[in-house]
Amino acid sequence: MPWFAPQDNPAFEIRAVPDTPAVLGWDHGSVVRTVLIVDDHAGFRARARAILGMAGFEVVGEAGDGASAIAEAERLRPDVVLLDIRLPDMDGFDVARRLTGDSAPAVVLVSSRDASDYGSRIERSPAAGFIPKADLSGAALEALLRAS
């Protein structure tokens, strides 16, 4: 396949428009939010890292269980912890309760299960909210964080 420059393709146009979001939805005038991804499945962590990185978030770390999540959150001081509810050593609700304090990150719970499976536990938790894993996107995370 031959290489071509964008100007070689008449359908491709590059325009710089000040004060508007970039193509990927990231507002270059805003502060980049740092994220710690907590999930016991490496495949989901890699997928979430790619999705959030493309949306302008900076993924600063990953953890595969609750104890590691707490330690990494203290060490890395992320703005956001994307936290799976079902972990091998403790559930995400317990982790979220332990991540409280003056400089606590915003916690966003994720699960492959539906929110209704957890009843009122999500609303009663200190988490900023919940996103189903299948619906994870930079826009969904940003909207939830803005609403909290």
N, C-alpha and C. Protein backbone atom coordinates (compact mmCIF):
# COMPACT_ATOMS: atom_id res chain seq x y z
N MET A 1 0.85 -1.18 0.00
CA MET A 1 0.00 0.00 0.00
C MET A 1 0.89 1.24 0.00
N PRO A 2 0.71 2.11 -0.96
CA PRO A 2 1.56 3.31 -1.02
C PRO A 2 1.18 4.30 0.07
N TRP A 3 2.18 5.01 0.51
CA TRP A 3 1.97 6.05 1.52
C TRP A 3 1.46 7.30 0.82
N PHE A 4 0.55 8.01 1.46
CA PHE A 4 0.10 9.26 0.89
C PHE A 4 -0.04 10.29 1.99
N ALA A 5 0.20 11.50 1.65
CA ALA A 5 0.03 12.61 2.59
C ALA A 5 -1.42 13.03 2.58
N PRO A 6 -1.93 13.60 3.68
CA PRO A 6 -3.33 14.03 3.73
C PRO A 6 -3.72 14.92 2.56
N GLN A 7 -2.80 15.76 2.09
CA GLN A 7 -3.15 16.66 0.98
C GLN A 7 -3.35 15.89 -0.33
N ASP A 8 -2.89 14.64 -0.40
CA ASP A 8 -3.09 13.82 -1.58
C ASP A 8 -4.52 13.27 -1.66
N ASN A 9 -5.26 13.37 -0.60
CA ASN A 9 -6.62 12.86 -0.55
C ASN A 9 -7.58 14.04 -0.50
N PRO A 10 -8.34 14.28 -1.56
CA PRO A 10 -9.22 15.45 -1.59
C PRO A 10 -10.32 15.40 -0.54
N ALA A 11 -10.64 14.22 0.00
CA ALA A 11 -11.69 14.12 1.01
C ALA A 11 -11.16 14.43 2.41
N PHE A 12 -9.85 14.54 2.54
CA PHE A 12 -9.23 14.76 3.84
C PHE A 12 -8.91 16.24 3.99
N GLU A 13 -9.38 16.81 5.07
CA GLU A 13 -9.15 18.24 5.29
C GLU A 13 -8.68 18.45 6.72
N ILE A 14 -7.65 19.23 6.89
CA ILE A 14 -7.17 19.58 8.21
C ILE A 14 -7.46 21.05 8.44
N ARG A 15 -8.16 21.33 9.53
CA ARG A 15 -8.46 22.71 9.88
C ARG A 15 -8.17 22.92 11.34
N ALA A 16 -7.59 24.01 11.67
CA ALA A 16 -7.39 24.39 13.06
C ALA A 16 -8.46 25.40 13.43
N VAL A 17 -9.27 25.04 14.41
CA VAL A 17 -10.33 25.94 14.85
C VAL A 17 -10.10 26.21 16.33
N PRO A 18 -9.73 27.42 16.68
CA PRO A 18 -9.44 27.72 18.08
C PRO A 18 -10.66 27.53 18.97
N ASP A 19 -10.40 27.15 20.20
CA ASP A 19 -11.43 27.04 21.24
C ASP A 19 -12.52 26.03 20.91
N THR A 20 -12.20 25.00 20.15
CA THR A 20 -13.15 23.93 19.90
C THR A 20 -12.48 22.61 20.24
N PRO A 21 -13.29 21.60 20.63
CA PRO A 21 -12.70 20.30 20.96
C PRO A 21 -12.00 19.70 19.75
N ALA A 22 -10.99 18.92 20.02
CA ALA A 22 -10.27 18.23 18.95
C ALA A 22 -11.13 17.10 18.40
N VAL A 23 -10.67 16.50 17.34
CA VAL A 23 -11.40 15.43 16.69
C VAL A 23 -11.75 14.31 17.67
N LEU A 24 -10.84 14.00 18.57
CA LEU A 24 -11.07 12.90 19.51
C LEU A 24 -11.91 13.32 20.71
N GLY A 25 -12.37 14.53 20.76
CA GLY A 25 -13.23 14.95 21.85
C GLY A 25 -12.50 15.52 23.04
N TRP A 26 -11.23 15.70 22.93
CA TRP A 26 -10.44 16.21 24.03
C TRP A 26 -10.31 17.70 23.90
N ASP A 27 -10.67 18.42 24.92
CA ASP A 27 -10.55 19.87 24.92
C ASP A 27 -9.12 20.21 25.31
N HIS A 28 -8.35 20.67 24.36
CA HIS A 28 -6.93 20.94 24.60
C HIS A 28 -6.70 22.08 25.58
N GLY A 29 -7.72 22.86 25.86
CA GLY A 29 -7.58 23.94 26.82
C GLY A 29 -7.80 23.49 28.25
N SER A 30 -8.24 22.27 28.45
CA SER A 30 -8.52 21.80 29.80
C SER A 30 -7.33 21.04 30.37
N VAL A 31 -7.40 20.79 31.65
CA VAL A 31 -6.35 20.04 32.33
C VAL A 31 -6.57 18.55 32.07
N VAL A 32 -5.53 17.83 31.77
CA VAL A 32 -5.62 16.39 31.54
C VAL A 32 -5.90 15.70 32.87
N ARG A 33 -6.89 14.83 32.86
CA ARG A 33 -7.21 14.06 34.06
C ARG A 33 -6.39 12.78 34.05
N THR A 34 -5.82 12.45 35.21
CA THR A 34 -5.06 11.22 35.34
C THR A 34 -5.98 10.12 35.86
N VAL A 35 -5.74 8.89 35.40
CA VAL A 35 -6.62 7.77 35.71
C VAL A 35 -5.81 6.56 36.15
N LEU A 36 -6.31 5.88 37.18
CA LEU A 36 -5.83 4.57 37.60
C LEU A 36 -6.92 3.58 37.23
N ILE A 37 -6.57 2.55 36.46
CA ILE A 37 -7.53 1.53 36.03
C ILE A 37 -7.38 0.31 36.92
N VAL A 38 -8.49 -0.12 37.54
CA VAL A 38 -8.47 -1.27 38.44
C VAL A 38 -9.42 -2.33 37.92
N ASP A 39 -8.87 -3.46 37.51
CA ASP A 39 -9.67 -4.57 37.02
C ASP A 39 -8.78 -5.82 37.06
N ASP A 40 -9.37 -6.97 37.36
CA ASP A 40 -8.57 -8.19 37.42
C ASP A 40 -8.35 -8.82 36.06
N HIS A 41 -8.92 -8.26 35.00
CA HIS A 41 -8.72 -8.77 33.65
C HIS A 41 -7.80 -7.83 32.88
N ALA A 42 -6.62 -8.33 32.54
CA ALA A 42 -5.63 -7.52 31.82
C ALA A 42 -6.18 -7.03 30.48
N GLY A 43 -7.02 -7.82 29.83
CA GLY A 43 -7.58 -7.42 28.55
C GLY A 43 -8.46 -6.18 28.68
N PHE A 44 -9.27 -6.13 29.74
CA PHE A 44 -10.09 -4.93 29.93
C PHE A 44 -9.21 -3.73 30.27
N ARG A 45 -8.19 -3.94 31.09
CA ARG A 45 -7.30 -2.82 31.43
C ARG A 45 -6.66 -2.25 30.17
N ALA A 46 -6.21 -3.12 29.27
CA ALA A 46 -5.58 -2.66 28.02
C ALA A 46 -6.60 -1.92 27.15
N ARG A 47 -7.81 -2.44 27.06
CA ARG A 47 -8.86 -1.79 26.27
C ARG A 47 -9.20 -0.42 26.85
N ALA A 48 -9.38 -0.37 28.17
CA ALA A 48 -9.72 0.90 28.83
C ALA A 48 -8.58 1.90 28.67
N ARG A 49 -7.34 1.45 28.78
CA ARG A 49 -6.19 2.33 28.60
C ARG A 49 -6.21 2.95 27.21
N ALA A 50 -6.48 2.15 26.19
CA ALA A 50 -6.51 2.65 24.82
C ALA A 50 -7.67 3.62 24.62
N ILE A 51 -8.85 3.26 25.09
CA ILE A 51 -10.03 4.12 24.93
C ILE A 51 -9.82 5.46 25.61
N LEU A 52 -9.37 5.43 26.85
CA LEU A 52 -9.21 6.68 27.60
C LEU A 52 -8.03 7.51 27.09
N GLY A 53 -6.96 6.85 26.70
CA GLY A 53 -5.82 7.56 26.14
C GLY A 53 -6.19 8.29 24.87
N MET A 54 -6.98 7.66 24.01
CA MET A 54 -7.43 8.30 22.77
C MET A 54 -8.33 9.50 23.06
N ALA A 55 -8.97 9.50 24.21
CA ALA A 55 -9.88 10.59 24.57
C ALA A 55 -9.18 11.70 25.34
N GLY A 56 -7.87 11.57 25.55
CA GLY A 56 -7.12 12.63 26.20
C GLY A 56 -6.87 12.45 27.67
N PHE A 57 -7.31 11.34 28.25
CA PHE A 57 -7.00 11.05 29.65
C PHE A 57 -5.58 10.48 29.71
N GLU A 58 -4.92 10.68 30.82
CA GLU A 58 -3.59 10.10 31.02
C GLU A 58 -3.70 8.96 32.01
N VAL A 59 -3.53 7.73 31.53
CA VAL A 59 -3.59 6.57 32.40
C VAL A 59 -2.23 6.45 33.08
N VAL A 60 -2.22 6.63 34.40
CA VAL A 60 -0.95 6.65 35.14
C VAL A 60 -0.63 5.32 35.80
N GLY A 61 -1.59 4.40 35.81
CA GLY A 61 -1.31 3.11 36.42
C GLY A 61 -2.46 2.15 36.30
N GLU A 62 -2.18 0.91 36.68
CA GLU A 62 -3.16 -0.17 36.64
C GLU A 62 -2.99 -1.01 37.89
N ALA A 63 -4.08 -1.66 38.29
CA ALA A 63 -4.04 -2.60 39.41
C ALA A 63 -5.01 -3.73 39.12
N GLY A 64 -4.69 -4.92 39.60
CA GLY A 64 -5.52 -6.09 39.34
C GLY A 64 -6.34 -6.56 40.51
N ASP A 65 -6.20 -5.91 41.67
CA ASP A 65 -7.00 -6.29 42.83
C ASP A 65 -7.18 -5.07 43.74
N GLY A 66 -8.01 -5.23 44.76
CA GLY A 66 -8.34 -4.12 45.65
C GLY A 66 -7.17 -3.60 46.45
N ALA A 67 -6.37 -4.50 47.02
CA ALA A 67 -5.23 -4.07 47.83
C ALA A 67 -4.23 -3.28 46.99
N SER A 68 -3.97 -3.76 45.78
CA SER A 68 -3.06 -3.03 44.89
C SER A 68 -3.66 -1.70 44.47
N ALA A 69 -4.98 -1.66 44.28
CA ALA A 69 -5.65 -0.41 43.91
C ALA A 69 -5.45 0.66 44.97
N ILE A 70 -5.63 0.28 46.21
CA ILE A 70 -5.47 1.24 47.32
C ILE A 70 -4.04 1.74 47.38
N ALA A 71 -3.08 0.81 47.28
CA ALA A 71 -1.66 1.18 47.33
C ALA A 71 -1.29 2.09 46.15
N GLU A 72 -1.75 1.75 44.95
CA GLU A 72 -1.42 2.55 43.77
C GLU A 72 -2.10 3.92 43.81
N ALA A 73 -3.31 3.98 44.32
CA ALA A 73 -4.00 5.26 44.44
C ALA A 73 -3.24 6.19 45.40
N GLU A 74 -2.73 5.64 46.49
CA GLU A 74 -1.94 6.45 47.43
C GLU A 74 -0.62 6.89 46.81
N ARG A 75 0.01 6.00 46.06
CA ARG A 75 1.31 6.30 45.45
C ARG A 75 1.18 7.27 44.28
N LEU A 76 0.20 7.04 43.40
CA LEU A 76 0.10 7.79 42.15
C LEU A 76 -0.76 9.06 42.25
N ARG A 77 -1.67 9.10 43.20
CA ARG A 77 -2.58 10.25 43.39
C ARG A 77 -3.31 10.63 42.09
N PRO A 78 -4.02 9.66 41.48
CA PRO A 78 -4.74 9.98 40.24
C PRO A 78 -5.95 10.86 40.53
N ASP A 79 -6.44 11.52 39.49
CA ASP A 79 -7.67 12.29 39.60
C ASP A 79 -8.89 11.37 39.65
N VAL A 80 -8.78 10.24 38.93
CA VAL A 80 -9.90 9.31 38.78
C VAL A 80 -9.41 7.88 38.96
N VAL A 81 -10.23 7.07 39.65
CA VAL A 81 -9.98 5.63 39.71
C VAL A 81 -11.15 4.95 39.01
N LEU A 82 -10.86 4.28 37.90
CA LEU A 82 -11.85 3.49 37.18
C LEU A 82 -11.80 2.11 37.81
N LEU A 83 -12.85 1.74 38.54
CA LEU A 83 -12.80 0.62 39.49
C LEU A 83 -13.84 -0.45 39.18
N ASP A 84 -13.37 -1.64 38.86
CA ASP A 84 -14.26 -2.78 38.66
C ASP A 84 -14.91 -3.14 40.00
N ILE A 85 -16.17 -3.48 39.97
CA ILE A 85 -16.87 -3.84 41.21
C ILE A 85 -16.45 -5.22 41.70
N ARG A 86 -16.21 -6.14 40.78
CA ARG A 86 -15.87 -7.51 41.18
C ARG A 86 -14.37 -7.73 41.06
N LEU A 87 -13.70 -7.78 42.20
CA LEU A 87 -12.25 -8.01 42.26
C LEU A 87 -11.99 -9.27 43.06
N PRO A 88 -10.83 -9.91 42.91
CA PRO A 88 -10.58 -11.18 43.58
C PRO A 88 -10.45 -11.09 45.10
N ASP A 89 -9.98 -9.98 45.65
CA ASP A 89 -9.74 -9.92 47.09
C ASP A 89 -10.78 -9.12 47.86
N MET A 90 -11.44 -8.17 47.25
CA MET A 90 -12.51 -7.39 47.88
C MET A 90 -13.33 -6.75 46.78
N ASP A 91 -14.53 -6.34 47.10
CA ASP A 91 -15.31 -5.74 46.02
C ASP A 91 -15.01 -4.26 45.87
N GLY A 92 -15.39 -3.71 44.73
CA GLY A 92 -15.12 -2.31 44.43
C GLY A 92 -15.77 -1.35 45.41
N PHE A 93 -16.89 -1.75 46.01
CA PHE A 93 -17.54 -0.89 47.00
C PHE A 93 -16.63 -0.70 48.22
N ASP A 94 -15.97 -1.78 48.66
CA ASP A 94 -15.03 -1.67 49.78
C ASP A 94 -13.84 -0.80 49.41
N VAL A 95 -13.32 -0.98 48.21
CA VAL A 95 -12.18 -0.17 47.76
C VAL A 95 -12.59 1.30 47.72
N ALA A 96 -13.75 1.58 47.17
CA ALA A 96 -14.23 2.98 47.07
C ALA A 96 -14.34 3.62 48.44
N ARG A 97 -14.83 2.87 49.42
CA ARG A 97 -14.94 3.41 50.79
C ARG A 97 -13.57 3.72 51.39
N ARG A 98 -12.57 2.94 51.02
CA ARG A 98 -11.22 3.15 51.56
C ARG A 98 -10.48 4.29 50.86
N LEU A 99 -10.96 4.69 49.69
CA LEU A 99 -10.33 5.78 48.94
C LEU A 99 -11.02 7.11 49.23
N THR A 100 -11.12 7.43 50.48
CA THR A 100 -11.77 8.68 50.87
C THR A 100 -10.74 9.57 51.56
N GLY A 101 -11.07 10.83 51.66
CA GLY A 101 -10.17 11.79 52.31
C GLY A 101 -10.13 13.08 51.54
N ASP A 102 -9.29 13.99 52.01
CA ASP A 102 -9.20 15.32 51.40
C ASP A 102 -8.76 15.28 49.94
N SER A 103 -7.79 14.47 49.63
CA SER A 103 -7.28 14.42 48.25
C SER A 103 -7.70 13.13 47.55
N ALA A 104 -8.87 12.59 47.91
CA ALA A 104 -9.34 11.33 47.32
C ALA A 104 -9.69 11.53 45.86
N PRO A 105 -9.39 10.54 45.05
CA PRO A 105 -9.75 10.62 43.62
C PRO A 105 -11.25 10.41 43.45
N ALA A 106 -11.77 10.84 42.33
CA ALA A 106 -13.14 10.49 41.95
C ALA A 106 -13.12 9.01 41.57
N VAL A 107 -14.05 8.25 42.11
CA VAL A 107 -14.13 6.82 41.82
C VAL A 107 -15.31 6.59 40.88
N VAL A 108 -15.03 5.90 39.79
CA VAL A 108 -16.07 5.54 38.84
C VAL A 108 -16.10 4.02 38.78
N LEU A 109 -17.23 3.45 39.16
CA LEU A 109 -17.38 2.00 39.17
C LEU A 109 -17.71 1.50 37.77
N VAL A 110 -17.17 0.34 37.43
CA VAL A 110 -17.48 -0.32 36.16
C VAL A 110 -17.77 -1.79 36.43
N SER A 111 -18.55 -2.38 35.55
CA SER A 111 -18.84 -3.80 35.66
C SER A 111 -19.36 -4.30 34.33
N SER A 112 -19.17 -5.60 34.08
CA SER A 112 -19.77 -6.21 32.90
C SER A 112 -21.24 -6.51 33.17
N ARG A 113 -21.64 -6.44 34.42
CA ARG A 113 -23.04 -6.64 34.80
C ARG A 113 -23.78 -5.31 34.75
N ASP A 114 -25.08 -5.38 34.73
CA ASP A 114 -25.93 -4.19 34.69
C ASP A 114 -25.99 -3.53 36.07
N ALA A 115 -26.15 -2.23 36.10
CA ALA A 115 -26.23 -1.50 37.37
C ALA A 115 -27.35 -2.03 38.24
N SER A 116 -28.45 -2.46 37.64
CA SER A 116 -29.58 -2.95 38.42
C SER A 116 -29.24 -4.22 39.22
N ASP A 117 -28.21 -4.94 38.80
CA ASP A 117 -27.78 -6.13 39.53
C ASP A 117 -27.23 -5.78 40.92
N TYR A 118 -26.86 -4.53 41.12
CA TYR A 118 -26.27 -4.11 42.39
C TYR A 118 -27.27 -3.35 43.28
N GLY A 119 -28.51 -3.27 42.84
CA GLY A 119 -29.53 -2.59 43.63
C GLY A 119 -29.13 -1.16 43.94
N SER A 120 -29.28 -0.76 45.18
CA SER A 120 -28.96 0.62 45.57
C SER A 120 -27.52 0.78 46.04
N ARG A 121 -26.73 -0.27 45.96
CA ARG A 121 -25.33 -0.19 46.45
C ARG A 121 -24.52 0.86 45.71
N ILE A 122 -24.76 1.05 44.42
CA ILE A 122 -24.02 2.05 43.66
C ILE A 122 -24.34 3.45 44.19
N GLU A 123 -25.63 3.74 44.36
CA GLU A 123 -26.02 5.07 44.84
C GLU A 123 -25.54 5.33 46.26
N ARG A 124 -25.49 4.28 47.08
CA ARG A 124 -25.04 4.45 48.47
C ARG A 124 -23.52 4.53 48.60
N SER A 125 -22.82 4.15 47.56
CA SER A 125 -21.35 4.16 47.62
C SER A 125 -20.83 5.59 47.47
N PRO A 126 -19.58 5.82 47.85
CA PRO A 126 -18.98 7.15 47.66
C PRO A 126 -18.53 7.40 46.22
N ALA A 127 -18.81 6.47 45.33
CA ALA A 127 -18.39 6.61 43.93
C ALA A 127 -19.15 7.74 43.25
N ALA A 128 -18.48 8.35 42.27
CA ALA A 128 -19.12 9.41 41.47
C ALA A 128 -20.20 8.84 40.57
N GLY A 129 -20.12 7.56 40.26
CA GLY A 129 -21.13 6.94 39.41
C GLY A 129 -20.67 5.61 38.87
N PHE A 130 -21.41 5.13 37.86
CA PHE A 130 -21.22 3.80 37.29
C PHE A 130 -21.30 3.88 35.78
N ILE A 131 -20.40 3.14 35.11
CA ILE A 131 -20.44 2.99 33.66
C ILE A 131 -20.33 1.50 33.34
N PRO A 132 -21.27 0.94 32.58
CA PRO A 132 -21.10 -0.45 32.16
C PRO A 132 -19.83 -0.57 31.30
N LYS A 133 -19.10 -1.66 31.45
CA LYS A 133 -17.86 -1.83 30.69
C LYS A 133 -18.09 -1.69 29.19
N ALA A 134 -19.20 -2.22 28.71
CA ALA A 134 -19.48 -2.16 27.27
C ALA A 134 -19.71 -0.74 26.78
N ASP A 135 -20.05 0.18 27.68
CA ASP A 135 -20.33 1.57 27.31
C ASP A 135 -19.18 2.52 27.62
N LEU A 136 -18.05 1.98 28.07
CA LEU A 136 -16.94 2.86 28.44
C LEU A 136 -16.43 3.65 27.24
N SER A 137 -16.34 4.95 27.43
CA SER A 137 -15.75 5.84 26.43
C SER A 137 -15.23 7.06 27.18
N GLY A 138 -14.38 7.80 26.53
CA GLY A 138 -13.90 9.04 27.13
C GLY A 138 -15.04 10.01 27.38
N ALA A 139 -15.96 10.08 26.43
CA ALA A 139 -17.10 11.00 26.55
C ALA A 139 -18.00 10.58 27.72
N ALA A 140 -18.24 9.28 27.89
CA ALA A 140 -19.08 8.81 28.99
C ALA A 140 -18.42 9.12 30.34
N LEU A 141 -17.11 8.89 30.42
CA LEU A 141 -16.41 9.17 31.67
C LEU A 141 -16.41 10.66 31.97
N GLU A 142 -16.13 11.48 30.98
CA GLU A 142 -16.12 12.93 31.18
C GLU A 142 -17.49 13.44 31.59
N ALA A 143 -18.54 12.96 30.96
CA ALA A 143 -19.90 13.38 31.31
C ALA A 143 -20.24 13.01 32.74
N LEU A 144 -19.88 11.81 33.16
CA LEU A 144 -20.15 11.39 34.53
C LEU A 144 -19.39 12.27 35.52
N LEU A 145 -18.14 12.55 35.22
CA LEU A 145 -17.33 13.37 36.13
C LEU A 145 -17.86 14.80 36.22
N ARG A 146 -18.31 15.34 35.11
CA ARG A 146 -18.88 16.70 35.12
C ARG A 146 -20.17 16.75 35.92
N ALA A 147 -20.94 15.67 35.88
CA ALA A 147 -22.24 15.62 36.56
C ALA A 147 -22.10 15.42 38.06
N SER A 148 -20.97 14.90 38.50
CA SER A 148 -20.82 14.59 39.93
C SER A 148 -20.33 15.78 40.73
